[in-house]
Amino acid sequence: MEVIAVPKSEITLIYNGVEYSGSGSDYLWTDTLADLQIKLPKDVKLVCCMTCRHGNMCPYGNVENELFCTKEMIITSKEDMCDLFDQTDPFEARAVASLDYCDDFIYQSDEYYTYNDYLYQLSKKETNE
C-alpha cells in the first residue's frame, strides 16, 4: 500500500476576540484563504495581495507565498502575464507575499481578470456551503 501525503495549509485570524481558522490542501493558500473568508462574518473581507485584483500568480509555475503585483498594468489574460515574464524580470520589482497589502488594494471581482485562483476557490466554497 502506498501512502500519499496531501499538503495541508491552515491560517488563523482573531477578529473582535473570536478566533477564525481556514484550512486547505493548496500550498499556494488560495483555498485556505477562501475557507477563512467563508467562516468570517459576512461584513468582514480579507485584505491582502492574494485577494487583490493586482495580485497575480506566475504563469510558468508558482512558489508558496509569492505573487506579482500589477497595480499599474492592465492584465486581461494569462498571455498578458506571460508577456510580463517574457519581456521583463518581475521577480525583484513586482514580487509580493500573499498576505502583504498596500494602499492600492482593490478586491478581485469577475469584472476584472486576475491570474490567481482565489475567486474560483471562494466560489467553490460558497457553492458547497
Protein backbone atom coordinates (compact mmCIF):
# COMPACT_ATOMS: atom_id res chain seq x y z
CA MET A 1 0.00 0.00 0.00
CA GLU A 2 1.34 3.41 -0.96
CA VAL A 3 0.65 6.39 1.28
CA ILE A 4 0.43 9.74 -0.45
CA ALA A 5 0.80 12.83 1.70
CA VAL A 6 -1.56 15.64 0.81
CA PRO A 7 -0.16 19.05 1.69
CA LYS A 8 -2.29 20.99 4.13
CA SER A 9 -2.27 24.65 4.99
CA GLU A 10 -4.00 26.45 7.81
CA ILE A 11 -4.38 30.06 8.83
CA THR A 12 -5.94 31.58 11.93
CA LEU A 13 -7.22 35.10 12.43
CA ILE A 14 -8.50 36.69 15.63
CA TYR A 15 -11.17 39.27 14.92
CA ASN A 16 -13.07 41.04 17.72
CA GLY A 17 -11.78 38.44 20.18
CA VAL A 18 -13.08 35.48 18.14
CA GLU A 19 -10.68 33.02 16.52
CA TYR A 20 -11.43 32.02 12.91
CA SER A 21 -9.46 29.30 11.12
CA GLY A 22 -9.28 28.37 7.47
CA SER A 23 -7.70 25.26 6.04
CA GLY A 24 -6.99 23.82 2.64
CA SER A 25 -4.89 21.46 0.62
CA ASP A 26 -3.38 24.05 -1.71
CA TYR A 27 0.19 25.04 -0.84
CA LEU A 28 -0.47 28.39 -2.52
CA TRP A 29 -3.12 29.23 0.13
CA THR A 30 -5.89 30.11 -2.33
CA ASP A 31 -8.32 27.56 -0.89
CA THR A 32 -7.12 28.22 2.67
CA LEU A 33 -7.86 31.95 2.43
CA ALA A 34 -11.17 31.23 0.69
CA ASP A 35 -12.09 28.86 3.53
CA LEU A 36 -11.20 31.55 6.09
CA GLN A 37 -13.24 34.17 4.19
CA ILE A 38 -16.32 31.91 4.24
CA LYS A 39 -16.01 31.49 8.02
CA LEU A 40 -15.66 35.21 8.77
CA PRO A 41 -18.72 37.39 9.45
CA LYS A 42 -20.38 38.45 6.17
CA ASP A 43 -19.34 42.10 6.58
CA VAL A 44 -15.63 41.25 7.06
CA LYS A 45 -13.46 40.89 3.95
CA LEU A 46 -9.85 39.73 3.80
CA VAL A 47 -7.49 42.42 2.52
CA CYS A 48 -4.21 41.01 1.23
CA CYS A 49 -2.34 40.55 -2.03
CA MET A 50 -3.98 37.15 -2.60
CA THR A 51 -7.45 38.74 -2.57
CA CYS A 52 -6.37 41.84 -4.52
CA ARG A 53 -7.11 42.42 -8.18
CA HIS A 54 -3.42 43.21 -8.72
CA GLY A 55 -2.10 40.00 -7.08
CA ASN A 56 -1.22 37.63 -9.92
CA MET A 57 0.49 34.26 -9.87
CA CYS A 58 3.38 33.27 -12.11
CA PRO A 59 2.14 31.73 -15.38
CA TYR A 60 5.19 29.43 -15.54
CA GLY A 61 4.92 27.87 -12.09
CA ASN A 62 4.21 29.08 -8.60
CA VAL A 63 6.08 29.30 -5.36
CA GLU A 64 4.37 29.32 -1.99
CA ASN A 65 3.73 32.84 -0.69
CA GLU A 66 4.77 34.61 -3.91
CA LEU A 67 2.56 36.77 -6.09
CA PHE A 68 3.33 39.54 -8.56
CA CYS A 69 1.78 42.98 -8.24
CA THR A 70 0.48 44.51 -11.46
CA LYS A 71 -1.16 47.61 -10.00
CA GLU A 72 -0.10 49.96 -12.82
CA MET A 73 -0.85 47.43 -15.57
CA ILE A 74 -3.97 46.07 -17.20
CA ILE A 75 -3.95 42.28 -17.16
CA THR A 76 -6.68 40.73 -19.29
CA SER A 77 -5.39 37.18 -19.80
CA LYS A 78 -2.78 34.61 -18.91
CA GLU A 79 -0.97 35.73 -22.06
CA ASP A 80 -0.54 39.22 -20.54
CA MET A 81 1.17 37.62 -17.57
CA CYS A 82 3.35 35.53 -19.89
CA ASP A 83 4.33 38.72 -21.74
CA LEU A 84 5.30 40.34 -18.43
CA PHE A 85 7.61 37.43 -17.61
CA ASP A 86 8.92 37.10 -21.16
CA GLN A 87 9.74 40.78 -21.57
CA THR A 88 10.91 41.75 -18.07
CA ASP A 89 12.33 40.26 -14.88
CA PRO A 90 9.43 40.87 -12.47
CA PHE A 91 10.88 38.96 -9.52
CA GLU A 92 12.60 41.81 -7.73
CA ALA A 93 10.33 44.72 -8.64
CA ARG A 94 6.91 43.02 -8.51
CA ALA A 95 7.17 40.06 -6.12
CA VAL A 96 4.93 40.33 -3.07
CA ALA A 97 3.89 37.91 -0.34
CA SER A 98 0.38 36.50 -0.34
CA LEU A 99 -0.56 38.22 2.93
CA ASP A 100 1.00 41.59 2.13
CA TYR A 101 -1.22 44.57 1.26
CA CYS A 102 -0.88 48.21 0.28
CA ASP A 103 -2.95 51.36 -0.25
CA ASP A 104 -3.60 50.32 -3.88
CA PHE A 105 -5.64 47.29 -2.80
CA ILE A 106 -8.77 46.59 -4.87
CA TYR A 107 -10.89 43.49 -4.29
CA GLN A 108 -10.91 40.92 -7.03
CA SER A 109 -14.13 40.68 -9.00
CA ASP A 110 -15.48 38.87 -12.02
CA GLU A 111 -15.33 42.14 -13.99
CA TYR A 112 -11.51 42.18 -13.95
CA TYR A 113 -9.10 39.40 -14.83
CA THR A 114 -6.65 38.32 -12.15
CA TYR A 115 -4.32 35.39 -12.72
CA ASN A 116 -4.85 33.58 -9.42
CA ASP A 117 -7.38 31.05 -8.16
CA TYR A 118 -8.74 32.87 -5.12
CA LEU A 119 -12.14 33.81 -6.59
CA TYR A 120 -12.51 30.33 -8.08
CA GLN A 121 -11.79 28.73 -4.71
CA LEU A 122 -14.13 31.17 -2.95
CA SER A 123 -16.90 30.33 -5.41
CA LYS A 124 -16.38 26.61 -4.80
CA LYS A 125 -16.57 27.13 -1.03
CA GLU A 126 -19.73 29.26 -1.33
CA THR A 127 -21.37 26.63 -3.54
CA ASN A 128 -20.62 23.88 -1.03
CA GLU A 129 -21.85 25.90 1.94
